[in-house]
């Protein structure tokens, strides 16, 4: 096993909003829903509950969900498995989506729907206050500022501890900051998709949590980079650490910025346990640089 270490050890935790300390390798619960299109309750309800409990046993204290997953069923299974929650367990959820049927996903970040959504999430999750409530996506039919102002009002009413955004541009993030303190951003980011690099870098500067979804997306290939060359590099680094290429992809993200909180999802305990091992991998500066140059 490679024992080369980075000159600056990777932090194991991050404080969301400055006061909500979580382990940086969490769990994304979206796949514990029905199919197709994450619609309806999860078919293996008891198995899903066992997986959630195993995640907590392995040190996960940040779980990401959303009203749209089900809709509502994903929040139900989390509460069924884990409520009453341990003191340090954070369940983050999202609102602002209307999902009446599989594949029919519509943005609805109107004040009325956000207020309805938060009440439903509180009831399903069996919480009096949601530690991190995120706008699932901007709604082109509603002024963005109006949606954020509604979240700020919900925070003032004691329904929400911290406010986050998802699927936003850097300009929208800055606009929201002019209205209320933003604790997190959840945008797509992975080895193969770094479209939101500028937003990530800004979040790092601002000490805002960045929660990448799609963190284990497609092959981490730079356009024009030969497939065999890129795969060979990742595989060689994985072998040096006695790890899988998936674990290396997650470890690279943890090294990429100290404010990144990962939420890989899975429906199997074996895959969950494999993912969790990524937090113990220390990549050298050279390895981080090599991987970063793939895209």
Protein backbone atom coordinates (compact mmCIF):
# COMPACT_ATOMS: atom_id res chain seq x y z
CA UNK A 1 0.00 0.00 0.00
CA UNK A 2 1.19 3.50 -0.82
CA UNK A 3 2.08 5.40 2.35
CA UNK A 4 2.85 8.72 0.64
CA UNK A 5 0.87 11.46 2.36
CA UNK A 6 -0.26 14.92 1.45
CA UNK A 7 1.56 17.76 3.18
CA UNK A 8 -1.81 18.96 4.49
CA UNK A 9 -4.02 16.13 5.87
CA UNK A 10 -7.57 16.10 4.55
CA UNK A 11 -10.10 17.26 7.19
CA UNK A 12 -12.55 14.53 8.22
CA UNK A 13 -15.36 16.93 9.14
CA UNK A 14 -16.91 20.20 8.01
CA UNK A 15 -19.10 22.61 9.98
CA UNK A 16 -22.15 23.48 7.87
CA UNK A 17 -23.15 27.06 8.59
CA UNK A 18 -20.24 27.24 11.01
CA UNK A 19 -21.97 25.23 13.74
CA UNK A 20 -23.28 21.96 12.29
CA UNK A 21 -20.27 19.63 12.25
CA UNK A 22 -20.68 16.53 10.09
CA UNK A 23 -18.39 13.84 8.74
CA UNK A 24 -17.49 14.65 5.14
CA UNK A 25 -18.52 11.25 3.81
CA UNK A 26 -22.30 11.10 4.09
CA UNK A 27 -25.06 9.19 2.35
CA UNK A 28 -27.47 10.18 -0.41
CA UNK A 29 -30.75 8.33 0.18
CA UNK A 30 -32.46 9.06 -3.17
CA UNK A 31 -32.17 5.49 -4.46
CA UNK A 32 -34.19 4.14 -1.54
CA UNK A 33 -37.36 4.86 -3.51
CA UNK A 34 -39.52 3.07 -6.02
CA UNK A 35 -38.80 2.67 -9.71
CA UNK A 36 -38.95 4.00 -12.32
CA UNK A 37 -37.83 7.57 -11.76
CA UNK A 38 -37.52 7.31 -7.96
CA UNK A 39 -41.30 7.25 -7.68
CA UNK A 40 -43.21 5.53 -4.89
CA UNK A 41 -41.96 3.62 -1.83
CA UNK A 42 -38.80 1.52 -1.88
CA UNK A 43 -39.65 -2.10 -2.69
CA UNK A 44 -37.40 -3.60 -0.01
CA UNK A 45 -38.51 -1.33 2.84
CA UNK A 46 -36.94 -3.38 5.64
CA UNK A 47 -33.72 -3.78 3.66
CA UNK A 48 -33.58 -0.03 3.12
CA UNK A 49 -34.01 0.58 6.82
CA UNK A 50 -31.19 -1.85 7.59
CA UNK A 51 -28.92 -0.08 5.11
CA UNK A 52 -29.61 3.32 6.69
CA UNK A 53 -28.86 1.94 10.13
CA UNK A 54 -25.63 0.39 8.86
CA UNK A 55 -24.60 3.74 7.37
CA UNK A 56 -24.96 5.36 10.78
CA UNK A 57 -23.00 2.51 12.37
CA UNK A 58 -20.18 3.19 9.89
CA UNK A 59 -19.97 6.84 10.94
CA UNK A 60 -22.37 8.57 8.56
CA UNK A 61 -23.99 11.51 10.33
CA UNK A 62 -25.15 13.43 7.26
CA UNK A 63 -27.99 12.01 5.16
CA UNK A 64 -29.40 13.83 2.14
CA UNK A 65 -32.96 13.40 0.92
CA UNK A 66 -35.74 15.47 -0.72
CA UNK A 67 -39.50 15.74 -0.77
CA UNK A 68 -39.37 14.83 -4.48
CA UNK A 69 -37.89 11.39 -3.78
CA UNK A 70 -41.06 9.32 -3.75
CA UNK A 71 -42.40 11.99 -3.39
CA UNK A 72 -42.24 11.86 0.37
CA UNK A 73 -41.53 8.13 0.65
CA UNK A 74 -37.77 8.63 1.01
CA UNK A 75 -38.27 10.91 4.00
CA UNK A 76 -40.66 8.32 5.44
CA UNK A 77 -38.15 5.47 5.26
CA UNK A 78 -35.44 7.59 6.89
CA UNK A 79 -37.69 8.43 9.81
CA UNK A 80 -38.90 4.84 10.08
CA UNK A 81 -35.31 3.60 10.27
CA UNK A 82 -33.62 6.27 12.36
CA UNK A 83 -36.14 8.29 14.39
CA UNK A 84 -35.67 9.24 17.15
CA UNK A 85 -32.39 10.49 15.74
CA UNK A 86 -29.09 10.44 17.58
CA UNK A 87 -27.93 13.88 18.69
CA UNK A 88 -25.27 14.35 15.99
CA UNK A 89 -27.23 12.96 13.03
CA UNK A 90 -28.16 15.56 10.40
CA UNK A 91 -30.89 14.82 7.86
CA UNK A 92 -30.91 17.42 5.10
CA UNK A 93 -33.85 17.66 2.74
CA UNK A 94 -34.95 19.74 -0.24
CA UNK A 95 -38.17 21.35 -1.44
CA UNK A 96 -39.51 23.22 -4.44
CA UNK A 97 -40.42 20.34 -6.78
CA UNK A 98 -43.84 19.06 -7.90
CA UNK A 99 -43.73 15.38 -8.96
CA UNK A 100 -47.19 13.97 -9.74
CA UNK A 101 -46.03 10.92 -11.73
CA UNK A 102 -42.87 9.01 -12.70
CA UNK A 103 -40.76 11.17 -14.98
CA UNK A 104 -43.03 14.19 -14.46
CA UNK A 105 -40.77 16.49 -12.45
CA UNK A 106 -41.69 20.16 -12.34
CA UNK A 107 -40.06 23.02 -10.50
CA UNK A 108 -42.46 24.76 -8.12
CA UNK A 109 -40.56 27.14 -5.87
CA UNK A 110 -43.56 29.33 -5.22
CA UNK A 111 -43.96 30.57 -1.65
CA UNK A 112 -47.11 28.49 -1.16
CA UNK A 113 -45.46 25.27 -2.33
CA UNK A 114 -42.31 25.85 -0.29
CA UNK A 115 -44.39 26.48 2.84
CA UNK A 116 -46.48 23.38 2.15
CA UNK A 117 -43.33 21.39 1.44
CA UNK A 118 -41.55 22.28 4.66
CA UNK A 119 -44.58 21.29 6.74
CA UNK A 120 -44.79 17.95 4.95
CA UNK A 121 -41.08 17.25 5.37
CA UNK A 122 -41.21 18.11 9.08
CA UNK A 123 -44.10 15.71 9.55
CA UNK A 124 -42.58 12.85 7.53
CA UNK A 125 -39.11 13.20 9.07
CA UNK A 126 -40.61 13.57 12.56
CA UNK A 127 -38.67 16.75 13.25
CA UNK A 128 -39.52 20.08 14.80
CA UNK A 129 -36.80 21.85 12.84
CA UNK A 130 -34.84 20.81 9.73
CA UNK A 131 -31.12 21.40 10.16
CA UNK A 132 -30.48 22.02 6.44
CA UNK A 133 -33.34 22.80 4.04
CA UNK A 134 -32.34 23.25 0.41
CA UNK A 135 -34.13 24.78 -2.56
CA UNK A 136 -34.16 21.82 -4.95
CA UNK A 137 -33.90 23.95 -8.07
CA UNK A 138 -34.77 27.48 -9.18
CA UNK A 139 -38.21 27.84 -10.70
CA UNK A 140 -38.26 29.88 -13.93
CA UNK A 141 -41.89 30.81 -13.23
CA UNK A 142 -41.03 32.42 -9.87
CA UNK A 143 -38.52 35.22 -9.24
CA UNK A 144 -35.51 33.54 -7.63
CA UNK A 145 -35.34 36.18 -4.91
CA UNK A 146 -38.95 35.45 -3.95
CA UNK A 147 -38.16 31.76 -3.40
CA UNK A 148 -35.12 32.59 -1.28
CA UNK A 149 -37.09 35.16 0.72
CA UNK A 150 -39.61 32.42 1.53
CA UNK A 151 -36.83 30.17 2.83
CA UNK A 152 -35.55 33.08 4.94
CA UNK A 153 -39.04 33.53 6.41
CA UNK A 154 -39.22 29.81 7.23
CA UNK A 155 -35.89 30.13 9.00
CA UNK A 156 -37.14 33.12 10.97
CA UNK A 157 -40.21 31.08 11.92
CA UNK A 158 -37.97 28.41 13.44
CA UNK A 159 -38.73 25.73 10.83
CA UNK A 160 -35.20 25.68 9.39
CA UNK A 161 -31.76 25.95 10.97
CA UNK A 162 -29.67 26.52 7.82
CA UNK A 163 -30.59 27.27 4.20
CA UNK A 164 -29.01 25.63 1.17
CA UNK A 165 -29.38 25.81 -2.59
CA UNK A 166 -29.23 23.13 -5.28
CA UNK A 167 -28.70 23.28 -9.03
CA UNK A 168 -27.85 26.98 -9.02
CA UNK A 169 -25.46 29.21 -10.91
CA UNK A 170 -22.77 31.25 -9.21
CA UNK A 171 -24.78 34.39 -9.96
CA UNK A 172 -27.85 32.94 -8.25
CA UNK A 173 -25.79 31.96 -5.22
CA UNK A 174 -24.49 35.52 -4.89
CA UNK A 175 -28.02 36.90 -5.31
CA UNK A 176 -29.27 34.61 -2.54
CA UNK A 177 -26.43 35.70 -0.25
CA UNK A 178 -27.76 39.24 -0.54
CA UNK A 179 -31.00 38.02 1.06
CA UNK A 180 -29.98 35.43 3.66
CA UNK A 181 -26.96 33.44 4.79
CA UNK A 182 -26.43 30.40 2.55
CA UNK A 183 -24.87 27.37 4.25
CA UNK A 184 -24.59 24.93 1.35
CA UNK A 185 -24.72 24.41 -2.40
CA UNK A 186 -25.59 21.08 -3.99
CA UNK A 187 -24.58 21.00 -7.66
CA UNK A 188 -23.37 18.24 -9.96
CA UNK A 189 -19.61 17.71 -9.70
CA UNK A 190 -17.33 14.74 -10.26
CA UNK A 191 -14.09 13.70 -11.89
CA UNK A 192 -15.86 13.71 -15.24
CA UNK A 193 -18.10 16.77 -14.80
CA UNK A 194 -16.52 19.93 -13.42
CA UNK A 195 -18.95 22.40 -14.95
CA UNK A 196 -19.49 24.04 -11.57
CA UNK A 197 -15.80 24.46 -10.71
CA UNK A 198 -16.15 28.24 -10.30
CA UNK A 199 -19.08 27.77 -7.92
CA UNK A 200 -17.14 25.20 -5.91
CA UNK A 201 -14.13 27.50 -5.65
CA UNK A 202 -16.34 30.39 -4.55
CA UNK A 203 -18.00 28.19 -1.91
CA UNK A 204 -14.57 27.20 -0.64
CA UNK A 205 -13.60 30.86 -0.29
CA UNK A 206 -16.88 31.64 1.49
CA UNK A 207 -16.75 28.58 3.77
CA UNK A 208 -20.00 27.29 2.25
CA UNK A 209 -20.50 23.52 2.18
CA UNK A 210 -20.42 22.10 -1.35
CA UNK A 211 -22.39 18.84 -1.66
CA UNK A 212 -21.76 17.34 -5.11
CA UNK A 213 -24.46 15.14 -6.57
CA UNK A 214 -23.48 12.72 -9.30
CA UNK A 215 -20.11 12.33 -7.57
CA UNK A 216 -19.61 8.91 -9.16
CA UNK A 217 -20.69 9.90 -12.65
CA UNK A 218 -19.28 8.70 -15.94
CA UNK A 219 -15.66 7.91 -16.70
CA UNK A 220 -13.27 10.65 -15.48
CA UNK A 221 -11.91 11.41 -18.91
CA UNK A 222 -10.57 14.62 -20.34
CA UNK A 223 -11.86 15.22 -23.83
CA UNK A 224 -9.17 13.93 -26.14
CA UNK A 225 -7.45 11.84 -23.47
CA UNK A 226 -7.05 8.24 -24.66
CA UNK A 227 -9.42 5.96 -22.75
CA UNK A 228 -6.75 3.38 -21.92
CA UNK A 229 -4.33 6.04 -20.64
CA UNK A 230 -6.86 7.59 -18.25
CA UNK A 231 -8.21 4.27 -17.01
CA UNK A 232 -4.68 3.03 -16.56
CA UNK A 233 -3.70 6.00 -14.41
CA UNK A 234 -6.70 5.68 -12.08
CA UNK A 235 -6.24 1.93 -11.84
CA UNK A 236 -2.54 2.28 -11.05
CA UNK A 237 -3.26 4.78 -8.25
CA UNK A 238 -6.01 2.51 -6.92
CA UNK A 239 -3.64 -0.45 -6.86
CA UNK A 240 -1.03 1.60 -4.98
CA UNK A 241 -3.62 2.19 -2.25
CA UNK A 242 -5.14 -1.30 -2.34
CA UNK A 243 -8.39 0.43 -3.27
CA UNK A 244 -11.06 0.42 -5.97
CA UNK A 245 -11.24 3.07 -8.67
CA UNK A 246 -14.56 4.19 -7.12
CA UNK A 247 -12.85 4.75 -3.78
CA UNK A 248 -10.13 6.79 -5.51
CA UNK A 249 -12.77 8.95 -7.25
CA UNK A 250 -14.38 9.70 -3.88
CA UNK A 251 -11.03 10.25 -2.16
CA UNK A 252 -10.03 12.73 -4.88
CA UNK A 253 -13.17 14.77 -4.20
CA UNK A 254 -12.40 14.82 -0.47
CA UNK A 255 -8.92 16.11 -1.33
CA UNK A 256 -10.24 18.60 -3.92
CA UNK A 257 -11.61 21.04 -1.32
CA UNK A 258 -12.11 20.91 2.47
CA UNK A 259 -15.74 22.08 2.22
CA UNK A 260 -16.88 19.17 0.03
CA UNK A 261 -19.35 16.80 1.71
CA UNK A 262 -19.97 13.62 -0.26
CA UNK A 263 -23.33 11.87 -0.51
CA UNK A 264 -22.80 8.75 -2.64
CA UNK A 265 -25.90 6.62 -2.83
CA UNK A 266 -26.33 2.86 -2.97
CA UNK A 267 -28.88 0.16 -2.21
CA UNK A 268 -26.44 -2.48 -0.97
CA UNK A 269 -24.56 -2.72 2.31
CA UNK A 270 -21.46 -4.09 0.55
CA UNK A 271 -21.28 -1.06 -1.76
CA UNK A 272 -21.93 1.27 1.17
CA UNK A 273 -19.05 -0.25 3.12
CA UNK A 274 -16.80 0.02 0.06
CA UNK A 275 -17.64 3.70 -0.38
CA UNK A 276 -17.00 4.47 3.29
CA UNK A 277 -13.40 3.26 3.02
CA UNK A 278 -12.65 6.22 0.74
CA UNK A 279 -12.42 8.54 3.73
CA UNK A 280 -9.35 6.67 5.00
CA UNK A 281 -7.39 7.04 1.75
CA UNK A 282 -4.72 9.73 1.76
CA UNK A 283 -3.62 10.71 -1.73
CA UNK A 284 -0.27 12.35 -2.30
CA UNK A 285 -0.12 15.81 -3.85
CA UNK A 286 1.28 14.19 -6.99
CA UNK A 287 -1.64 11.77 -7.22
CA UNK A 288 -4.21 14.54 -6.68
CA UNK A 289 -2.50 16.56 -9.42
CA UNK A 290 -2.41 13.62 -11.83
CA UNK A 291 -6.10 12.90 -11.36
CA UNK A 292 -7.04 16.58 -11.59
CA UNK A 293 -5.37 16.84 -14.99
CA UNK A 294 -7.75 14.26 -16.46
CA UNK A 295 -10.31 17.00 -17.06
